[in-house]
Amino acid sequence: MYGLYDKEGILRFVDSDKDACIAYAELFELGSTNYCLIDLANNTKKSK
């Protein structure tokens, strides 16, 4: 799962497909310096 955050740190889009997140950024004309794409699945920790 990927999360697309704008340069102000606001979550703008979530999808399981990285290319879909990039397409969203392109649709709204967010240049690569104006967003951050984070792999959310690797950033979650499960506790027992």
N, C-alpha and C. Protein backbone atom coordinates (compact mmCIF):
# COMPACT_ATOMS: atom_id res chain seq x y z
N MET A 1 0.86 -1.17 0.00
CA MET A 1 0.00 0.00 0.00
C MET A 1 0.91 1.24 0.00
N TYR A 2 0.60 2.17 -0.87
CA TYR A 2 1.39 3.39 -0.99
C TYR A 2 0.56 4.59 -0.60
N GLY A 3 1.21 5.56 0.02
CA GLY A 3 0.57 6.82 0.36
C GLY A 3 1.30 7.95 -0.32
N LEU A 4 0.54 8.85 -0.91
CA LEU A 4 1.10 10.02 -1.58
C LEU A 4 0.82 11.24 -0.70
N TYR A 5 1.88 11.86 -0.23
CA TYR A 5 1.76 13.03 0.64
C TYR A 5 2.22 14.27 -0.12
N ASP A 6 1.53 15.39 0.08
CA ASP A 6 1.98 16.61 -0.58
C ASP A 6 3.13 17.22 0.21
N LYS A 7 3.69 18.31 -0.31
CA LYS A 7 4.89 18.89 0.30
C LYS A 7 4.63 19.42 1.71
N GLU A 8 3.36 19.57 2.09
CA GLU A 8 3.02 20.02 3.43
C GLU A 8 2.74 18.85 4.37
N GLY A 9 2.91 17.62 3.86
CA GLY A 9 2.74 16.44 4.69
C GLY A 9 1.32 15.93 4.82
N ILE A 10 0.42 16.41 3.96
CA ILE A 10 -0.97 15.98 4.00
C ILE A 10 -1.15 14.78 3.07
N LEU A 11 -1.76 13.72 3.59
CA LEU A 11 -2.01 12.53 2.78
C LEU A 11 -3.03 12.87 1.71
N ARG A 12 -2.65 12.71 0.45
CA ARG A 12 -3.52 13.06 -0.66
C ARG A 12 -4.17 11.86 -1.33
N PHE A 13 -3.50 10.69 -1.29
CA PHE A 13 -4.00 9.53 -2.03
C PHE A 13 -3.37 8.27 -1.47
N VAL A 14 -4.14 7.18 -1.42
CA VAL A 14 -3.65 5.87 -0.98
C VAL A 14 -4.11 4.83 -1.99
N ASP A 15 -3.19 3.93 -2.40
CA ASP A 15 -3.53 2.88 -3.34
C ASP A 15 -2.50 1.76 -3.22
N SER A 16 -2.88 0.58 -3.62
CA SER A 16 -1.94 -0.54 -3.58
C SER A 16 -0.99 -0.53 -4.78
N ASP A 17 -1.28 0.31 -5.76
CA ASP A 17 -0.47 0.38 -6.97
C ASP A 17 0.33 1.68 -6.99
N LYS A 18 1.66 1.54 -7.01
CA LYS A 18 2.55 2.70 -7.02
C LYS A 18 2.28 3.60 -8.23
N ASP A 19 2.06 2.97 -9.39
CA ASP A 19 1.81 3.75 -10.61
C ASP A 19 0.53 4.56 -10.52
N ALA A 20 -0.47 4.06 -9.81
CA ALA A 20 -1.72 4.80 -9.63
C ALA A 20 -1.47 6.06 -8.80
N CYS A 21 -0.61 5.97 -7.82
CA CYS A 21 -0.27 7.14 -7.00
C CYS A 21 0.45 8.19 -7.84
N ILE A 22 1.37 7.73 -8.67
CA ILE A 22 2.10 8.66 -9.53
C ILE A 22 1.16 9.29 -10.56
N ALA A 23 0.22 8.51 -11.09
CA ALA A 23 -0.76 9.03 -12.04
C ALA A 23 -1.63 10.10 -11.37
N TYR A 24 -1.99 9.88 -10.09
CA TYR A 24 -2.76 10.87 -9.33
C TYR A 24 -1.98 12.18 -9.23
N ALA A 25 -0.70 12.07 -8.90
CA ALA A 25 0.14 13.27 -8.79
C ALA A 25 0.20 14.00 -10.13
N GLU A 26 0.35 13.26 -11.21
CA GLU A 26 0.40 13.88 -12.54
C GLU A 26 -0.93 14.52 -12.90
N LEU A 27 -2.04 13.88 -12.53
CA LEU A 27 -3.36 14.42 -12.82
C LEU A 27 -3.55 15.80 -12.20
N PHE A 28 -3.06 15.96 -10.98
CA PHE A 28 -3.18 17.24 -10.29
C PHE A 28 -1.94 18.11 -10.42
N GLU A 29 -1.09 17.74 -11.39
CA GLU A 29 0.10 18.51 -11.74
C GLU A 29 1.00 18.76 -10.53
N LEU A 30 1.16 17.71 -9.71
CA LEU A 30 2.11 17.78 -8.60
C LEU A 30 3.46 17.31 -9.11
N GLY A 31 4.41 18.21 -9.18
CA GLY A 31 5.74 17.82 -9.62
C GLY A 31 6.41 16.95 -8.57
N SER A 32 7.44 16.21 -8.97
CA SER A 32 8.10 15.28 -8.06
C SER A 32 8.72 15.98 -6.85
N THR A 33 8.94 17.28 -6.94
CA THR A 33 9.46 18.02 -5.78
C THR A 33 8.34 18.46 -4.85
N ASN A 34 7.08 18.21 -5.24
CA ASN A 34 5.94 18.64 -4.43
C ASN A 34 5.19 17.50 -3.76
N TYR A 35 5.71 16.27 -3.90
CA TYR A 35 5.05 15.16 -3.23
C TYR A 35 6.07 14.13 -2.78
N CYS A 36 5.62 13.26 -1.88
CA CYS A 36 6.44 12.18 -1.35
C CYS A 36 5.61 10.90 -1.42
N LEU A 37 6.17 9.85 -1.98
CA LEU A 37 5.49 8.57 -2.09
C LEU A 37 6.10 7.61 -1.08
N ILE A 38 5.28 7.09 -0.19
CA ILE A 38 5.76 6.23 0.89
C ILE A 38 5.08 4.88 0.82
N ASP A 39 5.89 3.82 0.94
CA ASP A 39 5.36 2.46 1.00
C ASP A 39 4.84 2.24 2.42
N LEU A 40 3.53 2.33 2.59
CA LEU A 40 2.93 2.25 3.92
C LEU A 40 3.01 0.85 4.52
N ALA A 41 3.00 -0.18 3.69
CA ALA A 41 3.03 -1.56 4.20
C ALA A 41 4.34 -1.84 4.93
N ASN A 42 5.43 -1.25 4.47
CA ASN A 42 6.72 -1.47 5.12
C ASN A 42 6.90 -0.61 6.36
N ASN A 43 6.03 0.36 6.56
CA ASN A 43 6.19 1.27 7.69
C ASN A 43 5.27 0.92 8.85
N THR A 44 4.51 -0.15 8.75
CA THR A 44 3.62 -0.54 9.83
C THR A 44 4.24 -1.66 10.63
N LYS A 45 4.12 -1.57 11.94
CA LYS A 45 4.64 -2.60 12.83
C LYS A 45 3.50 -3.18 13.62
N LYS A 46 3.44 -4.50 13.64
CA LYS A 46 2.38 -5.18 14.37
C LYS A 46 2.91 -5.63 15.71
N SER A 47 2.11 -5.43 16.75
CA SER A 47 2.51 -5.90 18.07
C SER A 47 1.69 -7.13 18.43
N LYS A 48 2.28 -7.99 19.20
CA LYS A 48 1.60 -9.23 19.59
C LYS A 48 0.72 -9.01 20.80
